[in-house]
N, C-alpha and C. Protein backbone atom coordinates (compact mmCIF):
# COMPACT_ATOMS: atom_id res chain seq x y z
N MET A 1 93.47 81.67 112.69
CA MET A 1 94.65 81.07 113.14
C MET A 1 95.56 81.95 113.61
N ASN A 2 96.47 82.30 114.75
CA ASN A 2 96.95 83.06 115.28
C ASN A 2 98.33 83.20 114.53
N SER A 3 98.98 84.22 115.45
CA SER A 3 100.45 84.85 114.81
C SER A 3 101.34 83.44 115.60
N GLU A 4 101.55 82.89 116.22
CA GLU A 4 102.19 81.27 116.94
C GLU A 4 101.95 80.84 115.84
N GLN A 5 100.53 80.14 115.29
CA GLN A 5 100.21 78.62 115.23
C GLN A 5 100.84 78.89 113.50
N LEU A 6 100.72 80.26 113.28
CA LEU A 6 100.81 80.46 111.09
C LEU A 6 102.44 80.19 111.16
N LYS A 7 103.37 81.16 112.24
CA LYS A 7 104.53 80.77 112.03
C LYS A 7 104.96 79.01 112.99
N GLY A 8 104.25 79.12 113.59
CA GLY A 8 104.97 77.48 113.67
C GLY A 8 104.67 76.40 113.12
N GLN A 9 103.83 76.48 111.95
CA GLN A 9 103.09 75.23 111.16
C GLN A 9 103.34 75.84 109.87
N TRP A 10 104.47 76.79 109.64
CA TRP A 10 104.28 77.61 108.30
C TRP A 10 105.08 76.63 107.00
N LYS A 11 105.52 75.75 107.18
CA LYS A 11 106.26 74.85 106.07
C LYS A 11 105.01 73.99 105.73
N GLN A 12 104.25 72.92 106.76
CA GLN A 12 102.94 72.69 106.94
C GLN A 12 102.26 73.14 105.97
N LEU A 13 101.66 74.47 106.21
CA LEU A 13 100.32 75.35 105.78
C LEU A 13 101.05 76.17 104.42
N LYS A 14 101.81 75.71 103.72
CA LYS A 14 102.53 77.06 102.81
C LYS A 14 101.02 76.49 101.48
N GLY A 15 100.92 75.31 101.33
CA GLY A 15 100.25 74.88 100.38
C GLY A 15 98.97 75.33 100.47
N GLU A 16 98.38 75.24 101.63
CA GLU A 16 97.27 75.26 101.83
C GLU A 16 96.78 77.23 101.82
N ILE A 17 98.10 77.77 101.86
CA ILE A 17 97.96 79.25 102.09
C ILE A 17 97.65 79.30 100.32
N ARG A 18 98.40 78.77 99.52
CA ARG A 18 98.39 78.72 97.94
C ARG A 18 97.02 78.51 97.53
N LYS A 19 96.63 78.12 98.62
CA LYS A 19 94.97 76.91 98.01
C LYS A 19 94.18 78.41 98.30
N GLN A 20 94.10 78.48 99.27
CA GLN A 20 93.34 79.64 99.86
C GLN A 20 93.57 81.15 99.35
N TRP A 21 94.65 81.38 98.98
CA TRP A 21 95.44 82.78 98.25
C TRP A 21 95.89 82.47 97.32
N GLY A 22 95.34 82.18 96.24
CA GLY A 22 95.97 81.79 95.02
C GLY A 22 96.73 82.91 93.73
N LYS A 23 96.34 83.84 94.67
CA LYS A 23 97.27 85.24 93.74
C LYS A 23 98.86 85.39 94.49
N LEU A 24 99.04 84.99 95.51
CA LEU A 24 100.17 84.95 95.93
C LEU A 24 101.36 84.02 95.31
N THR A 25 102.06 84.44 94.79
CA THR A 25 103.15 83.65 94.39
C THR A 25 103.74 82.88 95.45
N ASP A 26 104.90 81.33 94.48
CA ASP A 26 105.39 80.70 95.68
C ASP A 26 106.53 81.62 96.09
N ASP A 27 107.30 82.53 95.49
CA ASP A 27 108.55 83.38 96.35
C ASP A 27 107.85 84.15 97.32
N GLU A 28 106.62 84.72 96.91
CA GLU A 28 106.25 85.81 98.11
C GLU A 28 105.62 84.37 98.89
N VAL A 29 105.19 83.78 99.17
CA VAL A 29 104.94 83.13 100.08
C VAL A 29 106.09 82.38 100.91
N ASP A 30 107.37 82.15 100.33
CA ASP A 30 108.56 81.81 100.89
C ASP A 30 108.97 83.12 101.57
N ILE A 31 108.85 84.43 101.27
CA ILE A 31 109.40 85.61 101.66
C ILE A 31 108.64 85.71 102.91
N ILE A 32 107.38 85.33 103.46
CA ILE A 32 105.99 85.96 104.06
C ILE A 32 106.34 84.99 105.50
N ALA A 33 106.75 84.03 105.26
CA ALA A 33 108.24 82.85 105.78
C ALA A 33 107.15 82.96 107.44
N GLY A 34 105.73 82.73 107.26
CA GLY A 34 104.79 82.42 108.75
C GLY A 34 105.00 84.11 109.11
N GLU A 35 104.87 85.28 108.56
CA GLU A 35 105.23 86.20 109.60
C GLU A 35 103.57 86.75 109.17
N LYS A 36 102.97 87.05 110.35
CA LYS A 36 101.29 87.41 110.04
C LYS A 36 101.49 88.65 109.44
N ASP A 37 102.59 89.69 109.98
CA ASP A 37 102.46 91.50 109.16
C ASP A 37 102.40 91.25 107.98
N LYS A 38 103.64 90.65 107.36
CA LYS A 38 103.72 90.49 105.89
C LYS A 38 102.75 89.65 105.22
N LEU A 39 102.16 88.45 105.95
CA LEU A 39 101.01 88.12 105.22
C LEU A 39 99.48 89.42 104.86
N VAL A 40 99.42 89.90 105.96
CA VAL A 40 98.39 90.71 106.03
C VAL A 40 98.74 92.10 105.05
N GLY A 41 99.83 92.15 104.86
CA GLY A 41 100.99 93.23 103.66
C GLY A 41 100.27 92.91 102.22
N LYS A 42 100.91 91.06 102.30
CA LYS A 42 100.85 90.93 100.70
C LYS A 42 99.00 90.38 100.44
N LEU A 43 98.14 90.48 101.44
CA LEU A 43 96.58 90.67 100.82
C LEU A 43 96.33 91.75 100.66
N GLN A 44 96.33 92.80 101.46
CA GLN A 44 95.90 94.29 101.23
C GLN A 44 96.78 94.42 99.25
N GLU A 45 97.59 93.99 99.41
CA GLU A 45 98.21 94.33 97.93
C GLU A 45 97.55 93.59 96.72
N LYS A 46 97.75 91.75 96.96
CA LYS A 46 96.90 91.38 95.85
C LYS A 46 95.63 91.45 95.67
N TYR A 47 94.77 91.40 97.14
CA TYR A 47 93.32 91.32 96.78
C TYR A 47 92.70 92.95 97.38
N GLY A 48 93.43 93.78 97.58
CA GLY A 48 92.62 95.27 97.78
C GLY A 48 91.98 95.47 99.35
N TYR A 49 92.23 94.16 99.87
CA TYR A 49 91.59 94.05 101.33
C TYR A 49 92.48 95.18 102.19
N THR A 50 91.52 95.78 103.59
CA THR A 50 91.79 96.68 104.11
C THR A 50 92.56 95.67 105.44
N LYS A 51 93.37 96.45 106.28
CA LYS A 51 93.73 95.92 107.59
C LYS A 51 93.05 94.59 107.90
N GLU A 52 91.94 95.29 108.30
CA GLU A 52 91.19 94.32 109.11
C GLU A 52 90.71 93.57 108.36
N GLN A 53 90.03 93.44 107.08
CA GLN A 53 89.77 92.60 105.96
C GLN A 53 90.75 91.44 106.19
N ALA A 54 92.00 91.94 105.64
CA ALA A 54 93.18 90.81 105.71
C ALA A 54 93.27 90.11 106.93
N GLU A 55 93.07 91.05 108.24
CA GLU A 55 93.28 90.54 109.42
C GLU A 55 92.09 88.98 109.88
N LYS A 56 91.40 89.39 109.20
CA LYS A 56 89.60 88.70 109.60
C LYS A 56 89.96 87.23 108.68
N GLN A 57 90.75 87.32 107.62
CA GLN A 57 90.60 86.48 106.30
C GLN A 57 91.76 85.35 107.34
N ILE A 58 93.05 85.90 108.04
CA ILE A 58 93.72 85.16 108.45
C ILE A 58 93.19 84.25 109.80
N LYS A 59 92.50 85.00 110.25
CA LYS A 59 91.69 84.55 111.73
C LYS A 59 91.13 83.66 111.31
N ASP A 60 90.64 83.92 110.24
CA ASP A 60 89.35 82.72 109.67
C ASP A 60 89.74 81.62 109.30
N PHE A 61 90.87 81.57 108.94
CA PHE A 61 91.41 80.58 108.11
C PHE A 61 91.74 79.00 108.70
N ASN A 62 90.75 78.14 108.51
CA ASN A 62 91.21 77.12 108.76
C ASN A 62 91.62 75.68 107.69
N LEU A 63 92.50 74.70 108.17
CA LEU A 63 92.83 73.47 107.51
C LEU A 63 91.73 73.11 107.22
N HIS A 64 91.34 72.46 106.13
CA HIS A 64 90.29 71.50 106.08
C HIS A 64 90.54 70.36 106.62
């Protein structure tokens, strides 16, 4: 998923984001607001990912 898709579909994706990365709180998801850099940072913080790992997680994120 690229940055534009993430931002454009954020409202619809919020629930799926919470399922995929359950350590993120509702408030954190609201603050991220579809901004890829913020999501990368939160995944690094919550999961201990490197920047590259977090970006790959986001890129590979698919809706079921």
